[in-house]
N, C-alpha and C. Protein backbone atom coordinates (compact mmCIF):
# COMPACT_ATOMS: atom_id res chain seq x y z
N MET A 1 52.86 182.08 160.62
CA MET A 1 53.97 182.37 160.31
C MET A 1 54.49 183.84 160.68
N THR A 2 53.14 184.72 159.88
CA THR A 2 53.57 186.21 160.11
C THR A 2 53.74 186.77 161.43
N SER A 3 52.73 185.88 162.33
CA SER A 3 53.08 186.52 163.86
C SER A 3 54.18 185.92 164.40
N GLU A 4 54.96 184.87 163.98
CA GLU A 4 56.05 184.49 164.43
C GLU A 4 57.29 185.34 163.94
N LEU A 5 57.25 185.85 162.74
CA LEU A 5 58.25 186.78 162.32
C LEU A 5 58.31 188.23 162.99
N ALA A 6 57.03 188.26 163.39
CA ALA A 6 56.81 189.81 164.01
C ALA A 6 57.30 189.61 165.40
N ARG A 7 57.28 188.18 166.05
CA ARG A 7 58.14 188.01 167.36
C ARG A 7 59.54 188.35 166.92
N ARG A 8 60.15 187.70 166.07
CA ARG A 8 61.15 187.79 166.19
C ARG A 8 61.87 188.89 165.76
N GLY A 9 61.18 189.81 165.19
CA GLY A 9 61.83 190.73 164.81
C GLY A 9 62.42 191.84 166.02
N PRO A 10 61.55 192.22 167.27
CA PRO A 10 62.25 193.00 168.29
C PRO A 10 63.33 192.29 168.84
N VAL A 11 63.37 190.78 168.87
CA VAL A 11 64.35 190.16 169.17
C VAL A 11 65.46 190.39 168.34
N ARG A 12 65.62 190.32 167.58
CA ARG A 12 66.77 190.48 166.61
C ARG A 12 67.55 191.79 166.55
N ARG A 13 66.55 193.02 166.51
CA ARG A 13 66.68 194.26 166.83
C ARG A 13 67.33 194.16 168.45
N SER A 14 66.91 193.46 169.11
CA SER A 14 67.54 193.79 170.59
C SER A 14 68.97 192.96 170.58
N LEU A 15 69.23 191.96 169.85
CA LEU A 15 70.75 191.48 169.94
C LEU A 15 71.36 192.08 169.05
N HIS A 16 71.08 192.94 167.78
CA HIS A 16 71.67 193.77 167.01
C HIS A 16 72.24 195.09 168.20
N ALA A 17 71.22 195.43 169.14
CA ALA A 17 71.67 196.58 169.66
C ALA A 17 72.46 196.28 170.78
N ALA A 18 72.49 194.86 171.49
CA ALA A 18 73.49 194.35 172.27
C ALA A 18 74.80 194.37 171.68
N GLY A 19 74.56 193.74 170.58
CA GLY A 19 76.35 193.50 169.93
C GLY A 19 76.87 194.91 169.42
N MET A 20 76.07 195.88 169.14
CA MET A 20 76.31 197.38 168.81
C MET A 20 77.33 198.01 170.47
N THR A 21 76.56 197.34 171.32
CA THR A 21 76.83 198.06 172.90
C THR A 21 78.35 197.40 172.99
N VAL A 22 78.29 196.09 173.02
CA VAL A 22 79.41 195.34 173.04
C VAL A 22 80.86 196.12 172.26
N ALA A 23 80.51 196.10 171.02
CA ALA A 23 81.54 196.47 170.20
C ALA A 23 81.74 197.92 170.62
N LEU A 24 80.93 198.77 170.60
CA LEU A 24 81.26 200.41 171.35
C LEU A 24 82.25 200.30 172.66
N PHE A 25 81.81 199.63 173.45
CA PHE A 25 82.43 199.16 174.70
C PHE A 25 84.10 198.84 174.65
N ALA A 26 84.20 197.65 173.74
CA ALA A 26 85.67 197.34 173.07
C ALA A 26 86.23 198.27 172.39
N MET A 27 85.80 199.30 171.37
CA MET A 27 86.47 200.15 171.18
C MET A 27 86.96 201.35 172.16
N ILE A 28 85.92 201.51 173.11
CA ILE A 28 86.29 202.37 174.48
C ILE A 28 87.68 201.88 174.95
N ILE A 29 87.56 200.75 175.41
CA ILE A 29 88.74 199.97 176.19
C ILE A 29 89.87 200.00 175.47
N ALA A 30 89.58 199.63 174.08
CA ALA A 30 91.11 199.63 173.08
C ALA A 30 91.53 201.10 173.18
N SER A 31 90.63 202.25 172.88
CA SER A 31 90.98 203.54 172.71
C SER A 31 91.53 203.99 174.22
N ALA A 32 91.27 203.51 175.26
CA ALA A 32 91.98 204.12 176.58
C ALA A 32 93.15 203.06 176.79
N VAL A 33 93.44 201.83 176.10
CA VAL A 33 94.59 201.41 176.53
C VAL A 33 95.65 202.06 175.37
N GLN A 34 95.43 202.78 174.21
CA GLN A 34 96.35 203.22 173.26
C GLN A 34 96.60 204.82 173.53
N ALA A 35 95.80 205.31 174.59
CA ALA A 35 96.15 206.61 175.05
C ALA A 35 97.00 206.47 176.18
N ASP A 36 97.35 205.56 176.75
CA ASP A 36 98.25 205.19 177.98
C ASP A 36 99.39 205.98 177.37
N PRO A 37 99.70 207.09 178.05
CA PRO A 37 100.94 207.76 177.87
C PRO A 37 102.43 207.02 177.94
N VAL A 38 102.69 205.86 178.95
CA VAL A 38 103.77 205.20 178.63
C VAL A 38 104.25 204.37 177.51
N THR A 39 103.06 203.92 176.99
CA THR A 39 102.82 203.07 175.74
C THR A 39 103.04 203.66 174.44
N GLN A 40 102.73 205.00 174.81
CA GLN A 40 102.59 206.16 173.76
C GLN A 40 104.04 206.34 173.24
N GLU A 41 104.51 206.63 174.62
CA GLU A 41 106.25 207.25 174.57
C GLU A 41 107.04 205.88 174.01
N ILE A 42 106.62 204.63 174.25
CA ILE A 42 107.45 203.68 173.97
C ILE A 42 107.58 203.33 172.56
N ASP A 43 106.18 203.39 172.23
CA ASP A 43 105.96 203.10 170.61
C ASP A 43 106.71 204.14 169.65
N ARG A 44 106.73 205.82 170.44
CA ARG A 44 107.40 206.82 169.70
C ARG A 44 108.97 206.39 169.78
N ALA A 45 109.12 205.62 170.96
CA ALA A 45 110.63 205.63 171.00
C ALA A 45 110.95 204.34 169.83
N LYS A 46 110.34 203.62 169.75
CA LYS A 46 110.43 202.48 168.73
C LYS A 46 110.51 202.91 167.40
N THR A 47 109.65 203.76 166.86
CA THR A 47 109.24 204.36 165.71
C THR A 47 110.50 205.06 165.60
N ALA A 48 111.09 205.92 166.02
CA ALA A 48 112.44 206.76 166.17
C ALA A 48 113.69 205.91 165.60
N TYR A 49 113.44 204.84 166.66
CA TYR A 49 114.48 203.73 166.73
C TYR A 49 114.89 203.48 165.18
N LEU A 50 113.43 203.09 164.69
CA LEU A 50 113.73 202.06 163.14
C LEU A 50 113.92 203.30 162.20
N GLN A 51 113.82 204.47 162.58
CA GLN A 51 114.06 205.43 161.60
C GLN A 51 115.18 206.24 161.78
N GLY A 52 116.07 205.41 162.90
CA GLY A 52 117.61 205.99 162.91
C GLY A 52 117.63 207.02 163.50
N LYS A 53 116.67 207.55 164.36
CA LYS A 53 116.76 209.24 165.43
C LYS A 53 116.96 208.51 166.63
N LEU A 54 118.41 208.22 166.79
CA LEU A 54 118.52 207.53 168.20
C LEU A 54 118.68 208.64 169.27
N THR A 55 118.50 209.74 169.11
CA THR A 55 118.42 211.05 170.38
C THR A 55 116.88 211.03 170.49
N ASP A 56 116.06 210.92 169.58
CA ASP A 56 114.54 210.99 169.92
C ASP A 56 113.98 209.96 170.68
N ALA A 57 114.52 208.43 170.13
CA ALA A 57 114.32 207.38 170.81
C ALA A 57 114.57 207.31 172.45
N LYS A 58 116.08 207.95 172.64
CA LYS A 58 116.27 207.76 173.93
C LYS A 58 115.60 208.77 174.84
N GLN A 59 115.11 209.98 174.13
CA GLN A 59 114.26 210.81 175.13
C GLN A 59 112.93 210.37 175.13
N SER A 60 112.39 209.52 174.20
CA SER A 60 110.97 209.00 174.70
C SER A 60 111.14 208.03 175.73
N LEU A 61 112.24 207.18 175.53
CA LEU A 61 112.19 206.02 176.79
C LEU A 61 112.67 206.80 177.90
N GLU A 62 113.20 207.61 177.92
CA GLU A 62 113.49 208.72 179.10
C GLU A 62 112.14 208.82 179.99
N LEU A 63 111.42 209.51 178.98
CA LEU A 63 110.00 210.11 179.59
C LEU A 63 109.19 208.88 180.04
N ALA A 64 109.17 207.58 179.09
CA ALA A 64 108.44 206.78 179.71
C ALA A 64 108.80 206.38 180.97
N ALA A 65 109.83 206.12 181.10
CA ALA A 65 110.77 206.01 182.51
C ALA A 65 109.99 207.08 183.63
N GLN A 66 110.04 208.07 183.22
CA GLN A 66 109.83 209.07 184.30
C GLN A 66 108.15 209.06 184.55
N LEU A 67 107.36 208.33 183.55
CA LEU A 67 105.92 208.31 183.73
C LEU A 67 105.41 207.25 184.84
N VAL A 68 106.54 206.20 184.47
CA VAL A 68 106.19 204.92 185.38
C VAL A 68 106.43 205.28 186.77
N LEU A 69 107.71 206.25 186.99
CA LEU A 69 108.29 206.42 188.10
C LEU A 69 106.95 207.30 189.02
N GLN A 70 106.33 207.98 188.31
CA GLN A 70 105.16 209.07 188.70
C GLN A 70 103.89 207.97 189.02
N GLN A 71 103.67 206.94 188.43
CA GLN A 71 102.55 206.20 188.81
C GLN A 71 103.02 205.41 190.13
N LYS A 72 104.34 204.80 190.35
CA LYS A 72 104.91 204.06 191.25
C LYS A 72 104.52 205.11 192.53
N ALA A 73 104.99 206.39 192.38
CA ALA A 73 104.92 207.27 193.42
C ALA A 73 103.45 207.95 193.79
N LYS A 74 102.64 207.44 193.03
CA LYS A 74 101.08 207.18 193.77
C LYS A 74 100.92 206.38 194.56
N LEU A 75 101.21 205.26 194.02
CA LEU A 75 101.07 203.63 194.68
C LEU A 75 101.85 203.94 196.05
N LEU A 76 103.09 204.58 196.15
CA LEU A 76 104.27 204.36 197.49
C LEU A 76 103.16 205.14 198.42
N ASN A 77 102.32 206.17 197.89
CA ASN A 77 101.78 207.19 198.90
C ASN A 77 100.90 206.24 199.91
N ASN A 78 100.53 205.08 199.54
CA ASN A 78 99.60 204.14 199.95
C ASN A 78 100.04 203.55 201.27
N THR A 79 101.52 203.55 200.91
CA THR A 79 102.46 202.73 202.27
C THR A 79 102.63 203.85 203.47
N LEU A 80 102.14 204.92 203.46
CA LEU A 80 102.17 206.00 204.56
C LEU A 80 101.16 205.55 205.57
N PRO A 81 101.40 205.71 206.98
CA PRO A 81 100.17 205.45 208.00
C PRO A 81 99.27 206.53 207.98
N PRO A 82 98.30 206.12 208.59
CA PRO A 82 97.00 207.24 209.02
C PRO A 82 97.57 207.73 210.31
N PRO A 83 96.79 209.02 210.64
CA PRO A 83 97.41 209.64 211.81
C PRO A 83 96.92 208.70 213.21
N PHE A 84 97.51 209.02 214.10
CA PHE A 84 97.13 208.19 215.32
C PHE A 84 96.05 209.24 216.07
N LEU A 85 95.39 208.32 216.93
CA LEU A 85 94.42 208.96 217.60
C LEU A 85 95.00 210.36 218.58
N GLY A 86 94.36 211.61 218.20
CA GLY A 86 95.02 212.88 218.95
C GLY A 86 95.75 213.47 217.92
N TRP A 87 96.13 212.93 217.01
CA TRP A 87 96.75 213.80 215.81
C TRP A 87 96.14 213.87 214.23
N THR A 88 96.61 214.79 214.05
CA THR A 88 96.04 215.25 212.73
C THR A 88 96.98 215.31 211.26
N THR A 89 96.44 215.03 210.42
CA THR A 89 97.31 215.43 209.00
C THR A 89 96.64 216.26 208.14
N ASP A 90 97.09 216.86 207.21
CA ASP A 90 96.60 217.73 206.27
C ASP A 90 95.36 217.02 205.80
N LYS A 91 93.96 217.42 205.25
CA LYS A 91 93.31 216.73 204.77
C LYS A 91 93.43 216.45 203.38
N ALA A 92 94.19 217.45 202.56
CA ALA A 92 94.69 217.23 201.36
C ALA A 92 95.39 215.78 201.07
N ALA A 93 96.07 215.66 202.52
CA ALA A 93 96.96 214.44 202.22
C ALA A 93 96.43 213.06 202.05
N VAL A 94 95.18 213.04 202.77
CA VAL A 94 94.23 211.86 202.90
C VAL A 94 93.12 212.00 201.75
N ALA A 95 92.54 213.00 201.17
CA ALA A 95 92.06 213.18 200.39
C ALA A 95 92.49 212.78 198.79
N ASP A 96 93.47 213.44 198.49
CA ASP A 96 94.48 213.03 197.49
C ASP A 96 95.64 212.08 197.48
N ALA A 97 95.32 211.07 198.49
CA ALA A 97 96.14 210.17 198.74
C ALA A 97 97.05 209.64 197.63
N THR A 98 96.31 209.44 196.23
CA THR A 98 96.88 208.72 195.07
C THR A 98 97.04 210.06 194.00
N ASP A 99 96.77 211.37 194.33
CA ASP A 99 97.21 212.39 193.51
C ASP A 99 98.59 212.75 193.65
N ALA A 100 99.69 212.55 192.47
CA ALA A 100 101.04 212.85 192.75
C ALA A 100 101.56 214.38 192.51
N THR A 101 100.46 215.19 192.28
CA THR A 101 100.55 216.53 192.27
C THR A 101 100.13 217.44 193.65
N THR A 102 100.00 216.50 194.72
CA THR A 102 99.92 217.49 195.78
C THR A 102 100.81 217.46 196.69
N PRO A 103 101.00 218.66 197.32
CA PRO A 103 102.79 218.87 197.85
C PRO A 103 102.79 217.46 199.00
N THR A 104 101.75 217.25 199.69
CA THR A 104 101.58 216.03 200.89
C THR A 104 101.49 214.70 200.38
N GLY A 105 101.20 214.48 198.95
CA GLY A 105 101.17 213.15 198.53
C GLY A 105 102.33 212.75 197.95
N ALA A 106 102.43 211.60 197.39
CA ALA A 106 103.69 210.89 196.48
C ALA A 106 103.99 212.00 195.44
N VAL A 107 105.24 212.13 195.16
CA VAL A 107 105.74 212.69 194.21
C VAL A 107 106.75 212.25 193.77
N ALA A 108 106.80 211.99 192.25
CA ALA A 108 108.00 211.51 191.70
C ALA A 108 109.00 212.82 191.32
N THR A 109 110.39 212.36 191.71
CA THR A 109 111.16 213.66 191.63
C THR A 109 112.39 212.64 191.12
N SER A 110 113.34 213.76 190.37
CA SER A 110 114.81 213.23 189.98
C SER A 110 115.75 214.62 190.70
N ASN A 111 115.23 215.08 191.48
CA ASN A 111 116.46 216.41 191.91
C ASN A 111 116.31 216.54 193.30
N ASN A 112 115.87 215.46 193.94
CA ASN A 112 116.00 215.42 195.57
C ASN A 112 117.57 214.77 195.89
N LEU A 113 117.97 214.98 197.30
CA LEU A 113 119.01 214.30 197.54
C LEU A 113 119.15 212.81 197.16
N LEU A 114 118.44 212.20 197.07
CA LEU A 114 118.61 210.98 196.85
C LEU A 114 117.97 210.36 195.60
N GLY A 115 117.00 211.49 194.85
CA GLY A 115 116.47 210.84 193.65
C GLY A 115 115.57 209.79 193.55
N GLY A 116 115.30 209.15 192.55
CA GLY A 116 114.17 208.40 192.62
C GLY A 116 112.64 209.03 192.96
N ILE A 117 111.94 208.47 193.97
CA ILE A 117 110.59 208.78 194.17
C ILE A 117 110.31 209.01 195.85
N THR A 118 109.51 209.80 196.05
CA THR A 118 109.58 210.32 197.58
C THR A 118 107.86 210.49 197.82
N ALA A 119 107.33 209.84 198.82
CA ALA A 119 106.19 209.75 199.34
C ALA A 119 106.20 210.68 200.67
N THR A 120 105.38 211.66 201.07
CA THR A 120 105.62 212.45 202.46
C THR A 120 104.46 212.78 203.09
N ARG A 121 104.38 212.54 204.48
CA ARG A 121 103.09 212.97 204.98
C ARG A 121 103.45 213.52 206.38
N SER A 122 103.04 214.56 206.65
CA SER A 122 102.90 215.18 207.94
C SER A 122 102.04 214.91 209.04
N PHE A 123 102.42 214.96 210.48
CA PHE A 123 101.15 214.56 211.27
C PHE A 123 101.57 215.79 212.58
N HIS A 124 100.35 216.09 212.94
CA HIS A 124 100.39 217.30 214.00
C HIS A 124 99.80 216.75 215.36
N LYS A 125 100.19 217.34 216.19
CA LYS A 125 99.92 217.25 217.77
C LYS A 125 99.95 218.39 218.55
N GLY A 126 99.08 219.45 218.90
CA GLY A 126 99.61 220.59 219.41
C GLY A 126 100.58 220.99 218.49
N SER A 127 101.77 221.55 219.17
CA SER A 127 102.68 221.81 218.63
C SER A 127 103.63 221.31 217.85
N LYS A 128 103.38 219.98 218.36
CA LYS A 128 104.43 218.91 217.64
C LYS A 128 103.88 218.27 216.19
N THR A 129 105.37 217.97 215.57
CA THR A 129 104.82 217.44 214.08
C THR A 129 105.70 216.29 213.80
N CYS A 130 105.71 215.50 213.22
CA CYS A 130 106.14 214.10 212.75
C CYS A 130 105.71 214.07 211.24
N ASN A 131 107.13 214.34 210.77
CA ASN A 131 106.76 214.35 209.17
C ASN A 131 107.59 212.72 208.91
N VAL A 132 106.71 211.99 208.11
CA VAL A 132 107.08 210.59 207.57
C VAL A 132 107.25 210.40 206.08
N THR A 133 108.48 209.93 205.55
CA THR A 133 108.74 210.08 204.27
C THR A 133 109.38 208.69 203.86
N VAL A 134 109.11 208.34 202.92
CA VAL A 134 109.38 206.87 202.19
C VAL A 134 110.06 206.93 200.84
N SER A 135 111.23 206.78 200.82
CA SER A 135 112.00 207.10 199.43
C SER A 135 112.42 206.13 199.01
N GLY A 136 112.82 205.81 197.74
CA GLY A 136 113.19 204.55 196.79
C GLY A 136 113.57 204.89 195.42
N ASP A 137 114.06 203.80 194.74
CA ASP A 137 114.35 203.81 193.46
C ASP A 137 115.49 204.70 193.04
N SER A 138 116.19 204.85 194.11
CA SER A 138 117.51 205.58 193.82
C SER A 138 118.72 204.96 193.66
N PRO A 139 119.70 205.01 192.89
CA PRO A 139 121.33 204.35 192.89
C PRO A 139 121.93 204.80 194.33
N LEU A 140 121.64 206.00 194.63
CA LEU A 140 122.35 206.16 196.21
C LEU A 140 121.85 205.40 197.28
N MET A 141 120.66 204.84 197.22
CA MET A 141 120.28 203.76 198.08
C MET A 141 120.94 202.50 198.61
N SER A 142 122.16 202.32 197.83
CA SER A 142 123.25 201.19 197.95
C SER A 142 123.97 201.95 198.98
N VAL A 143 124.68 203.14 199.06
CA VAL A 143 125.40 203.60 199.89
C VAL A 143 124.65 203.98 201.19
N VAL A 144 123.32 204.24 201.38
CA VAL A 144 122.47 204.67 202.36
C VAL A 144 122.57 203.11 203.38
N SER A 145 122.14 201.81 202.55
CA SER A 145 122.15 200.85 202.64
C SER A 145 123.64 200.27 203.93
N MET A 146 124.55 200.48 203.25
CA MET A 146 125.88 200.40 203.78
C MET A 146 126.04 200.87 205.29
N PHE A 147 125.14 202.11 205.49
CA PHE A 147 125.45 202.62 206.65
C PHE A 147 124.42 202.41 207.65
N LEU A 148 123.25 201.96 207.33
CA LEU A 148 122.13 201.50 207.95
C LEU A 148 121.98 200.11 208.40
N THR A 149 122.92 198.96 207.75
CA THR A 149 123.04 197.70 207.64
C THR A 149 124.26 197.41 208.61
N ASN A 150 125.24 198.25 208.86
CA ASN A 150 126.53 198.09 209.64
C ASN A 150 126.47 198.98 210.72
N PRO A 151 126.24 198.06 212.00
CA PRO A 151 126.31 198.49 213.34
C PRO A 151 127.57 199.66 213.73
N THR A 152 128.47 198.98 213.21
CA THR A 152 129.67 199.69 213.64
C THR A 152 129.81 200.95 212.95
N VAL A 153 129.23 200.81 211.79
CA VAL A 153 129.61 202.40 210.99
C VAL A 153 128.44 203.23 211.58
N ALA A 154 127.24 202.66 212.02
CA ALA A 154 126.16 203.57 212.53
C ALA A 154 126.39 204.16 213.89
N GLN A 155 127.01 203.41 214.57
CA GLN A 155 127.40 203.72 216.23
C GLN A 155 128.97 204.74 216.11
N ALA A 156 129.70 204.45 215.23
CA ALA A 156 130.64 205.43 215.09
C ALA A 156 130.20 206.66 214.58
N SER A 157 128.99 206.74 213.91
CA SER A 157 128.51 208.46 213.60
C SER A 157 127.52 208.79 214.86
N GLY A 158 127.63 208.27 215.91
CA GLY A 158 126.84 208.75 217.00
C GLY A 158 125.20 208.36 217.05
N ALA A 159 125.01 207.46 215.96
CA ALA A 159 123.55 206.61 216.16
C ALA A 159 123.50 205.49 216.93
N ARG A 160 121.88 205.28 217.08
CA ARG A 160 121.93 204.15 218.30
C ARG A 160 120.85 203.43 217.30
N MET A 161 120.82 202.02 217.57
CA MET A 161 120.28 201.03 216.81
C MET A 161 118.93 200.73 217.66
N GLN A 162 117.98 200.33 217.07
CA GLN A 162 116.84 199.78 217.97
C GLN A 162 115.61 199.31 216.81
N ARG A 163 115.12 198.32 217.47
CA ARG A 163 114.18 197.23 216.51
C ARG A 163 112.85 197.61 216.70
N ILE A 164 112.09 197.76 215.69
CA ILE A 164 110.74 198.13 215.65
C ILE A 164 109.91 197.13 215.06
N GLY A 165 109.29 196.20 215.84
CA GLY A 165 108.61 194.88 215.18
C GLY A 165 109.95 193.89 214.41
N ASN A 166 109.48 193.86 213.39
CA ASN A 166 110.38 192.99 212.51
C ASN A 166 111.61 194.11 211.78
N GLN A 167 111.49 195.27 212.15
CA GLN A 167 112.24 196.25 211.39
C GLN A 167 113.48 196.74 212.25
N ARG A 168 114.61 196.78 211.31
CA ARG A 168 115.94 197.44 212.41
C ARG A 168 115.81 198.81 211.89
N ALA A 169 115.94 199.80 213.19
CA ALA A 169 115.60 201.16 212.82
C ALA A 169 116.91 201.73 213.40
N ILE A 170 117.34 203.17 212.93
CA ILE A 170 118.50 203.84 213.64
C ILE A 170 118.03 205.37 214.10
N ILE A 171 118.42 205.41 214.98
CA ILE A 171 118.09 207.16 215.57
C ILE A 171 119.17 207.64 215.38
N THR A 172 119.49 208.53 214.50
CA THR A 172 120.58 209.77 214.41
C THR A 172 120.93 210.40 215.80
N GLN A 173 122.06 211.14 215.78
CA GLN A 173 122.29 212.11 216.59
C GLN A 173 121.22 213.40 216.71
N ASP A 174 120.55 213.65 215.69
CA ASP A 174 119.39 214.44 215.70
C ASP A 174 118.21 214.22 215.81
N ASN A 175 118.03 212.91 216.38
CA ASN A 175 116.93 212.09 216.92
C ASN A 175 115.80 211.72 215.54
N GLU A 176 116.53 211.71 214.44
CA GLU A 176 115.74 211.31 213.33
C GLU A 176 115.78 209.68 213.26
N VAL A 177 114.51 209.05 213.04
CA VAL A 177 114.38 207.89 212.87
C VAL A 177 114.67 207.55 211.55
N GLN A 178 115.33 206.18 211.23
CA GLN A 178 115.55 205.79 209.73
C GLN A 178 115.08 204.27 209.79
N VAL A 179 114.46 203.88 208.80
CA VAL A 179 114.67 202.18 208.80
C VAL A 179 114.63 202.14 207.29
N LEU A 180 115.14 200.74 206.69
CA LEU A 180 115.62 200.43 205.72
C LEU A 180 114.69 199.20 205.29
N SER A 181 113.87 199.24 204.40
CA SER A 181 113.07 198.09 204.12
C SER A 181 114.00 196.96 203.10
N PRO A 182 113.55 195.72 203.33
CA PRO A 182 114.67 194.70 202.69
C PRO A 182 114.61 195.05 201.07
N ASN A 183 113.84 195.55 200.54
CA ASN A 183 114.11 195.95 198.97
C ASN A 183 114.51 197.47 198.84
N ASN A 184 115.24 197.98 199.79
CA ASN A 184 115.84 199.54 199.78
C ASN A 184 114.96 200.57 199.65
N TYR A 185 114.23 200.17 200.31
CA TYR A 185 113.50 201.73 200.62
C TYR A 185 113.36 202.54 201.67
N LEU A 186 114.01 203.47 201.65
CA LEU A 186 114.41 204.29 203.02
C LEU A 186 113.08 204.92 203.95
N VAL A 187 112.66 204.79 205.20
CA VAL A 187 111.59 205.31 205.90
C VAL A 187 112.25 206.00 206.82
N THR A 188 111.91 207.30 206.78
CA THR A 188 112.44 208.80 207.55
C THR A 188 111.49 209.28 208.35
N VAL A 189 111.80 209.36 209.60
CA VAL A 189 110.61 210.07 210.48
C VAL A 189 111.16 211.05 211.40
N SER A 190 110.75 212.55 211.04
CA SER A 190 111.93 213.75 211.20
C SER A 190 110.57 214.42 212.09
N GLY A 191 111.09 215.84 212.48
CA GLY A 191 110.23 216.73 213.37
C GLY A 191 110.27 217.20 214.81
N ASP A 192 109.90 217.76 215.06
CA ASP A 192 110.13 218.43 216.49
C ASP A 192 109.30 217.50 217.34
N CYS A 193 108.64 216.08 217.24
CA CYS A 193 108.06 215.34 218.00
C CYS A 193 108.97 214.61 218.86
N ASP A 194 108.52 213.63 219.84
CA ASP A 194 109.07 212.88 220.86
C ASP A 194 109.79 211.75 219.94
N VAL A 195 110.74 211.12 220.33
CA VAL A 195 111.55 210.32 219.50
C VAL A 195 110.37 208.91 219.65
N ALA A 196 109.75 208.90 220.89
CA ALA A 196 109.04 207.62 220.95
C ALA A 196 107.91 207.63 219.87
N ASP A 197 107.12 208.99 219.76
CA ASP A 197 106.20 209.14 218.65
C ASP A 197 106.71 208.98 217.36
N LYS A 198 108.13 209.24 216.92
CA LYS A 198 108.80 209.05 215.60
C LYS A 198 108.90 207.34 215.27
N LEU A 199 109.13 206.64 216.64
CA LEU A 199 109.42 205.23 216.43
C LEU A 199 108.16 204.69 216.25
N ALA A 200 106.83 205.27 216.44
CA ALA A 200 105.72 204.89 216.73
C ALA A 200 105.07 204.79 214.91
N TYR A 201 105.35 205.96 214.78
CA TYR A 201 104.79 205.97 212.93
C TYR A 201 105.68 205.37 211.80
N ALA A 202 107.09 205.48 212.60
CA ALA A 202 108.09 204.55 211.67
C ALA A 202 107.41 203.13 211.78
N GLY A 203 107.25 202.62 212.79
CA GLY A 203 106.64 201.04 212.83
C GLY A 203 105.17 200.81 212.23
N ALA A 204 104.38 201.88 211.75
CA ALA A 204 103.05 201.81 211.48
C ALA A 204 103.11 201.86 209.79
N VAL A 205 104.21 202.25 209.38
CA VAL A 205 104.47 202.10 207.78
C VAL A 205 103.73 200.85 207.04
N ASP A 206 103.42 200.85 206.35
CA ASP A 206 103.05 199.17 205.66
C ASP A 206 104.19 198.84 204.99
N TYR A 207 104.84 198.03 205.54
CA TYR A 207 106.27 197.31 205.12
C TYR A 207 105.78 196.11 204.15
N VAL A 208 104.70 195.57 204.58
CA VAL A 208 104.36 194.41 203.47
C VAL A 208 103.94 195.01 202.07
N ARG A 209 103.15 196.21 202.07
CA ARG A 209 102.85 196.74 200.64
C ARG A 209 104.44 197.34 200.26
N LEU A 210 105.02 197.84 201.16
CA LEU A 210 106.31 198.32 200.56
C LEU A 210 107.08 197.43 199.77
N ALA A 211 107.29 196.20 200.33
CA ALA A 211 108.10 195.12 199.91
C ALA A 211 107.46 194.82 198.25
N SER A 212 106.48 195.14 197.75
CA SER A 212 105.81 194.98 196.45
C SER A 212 106.48 195.79 195.82
N PHE A 213 107.43 196.94 195.96
CA PHE A 213 107.81 197.86 194.86
C PHE A 213 108.96 197.28 194.47
């Protein structure tokens, strides 16, 4: 009996240690969830609202919405194409593809022309450059949509229509290529590269992934 109890001792200690490890892991996960800045701002807004502090509640909700946009901006960068054979791009744009703080990565912004979020990457070949930009989550996209989806309006401005795979593109008088995704995200390819290269890069955007935004 004594030897049996002796054998059970280490087993019980091992089970106890395992239980403590699981509990500690659960606490770490719970702490990480609680530390999420979006949910923190939502909680602050709820607390302020219940206290009658409507201005504080509004500001917290606006900050939460901006933080969500920043997270979407990081993901939006993944819709941009890689450089074609013979082309290069800034190393930081590839290495920090999910970092919204990099100038060539996705950046959540509310002060550009279209508002919303924007992801940009530049591609270089010799002295030529193609700049690919994806923009969305902007109320002005409905106005852009009217222009891009109406061939009569587009042609009246001197633009040309062309299909790229399943996407319909517009080539402006300045040889800028524009494509509007079904969920109103605008793909723009500009720069001093050839129109053929612009069309190729516009077609290389991940429209399947873009449709999930």
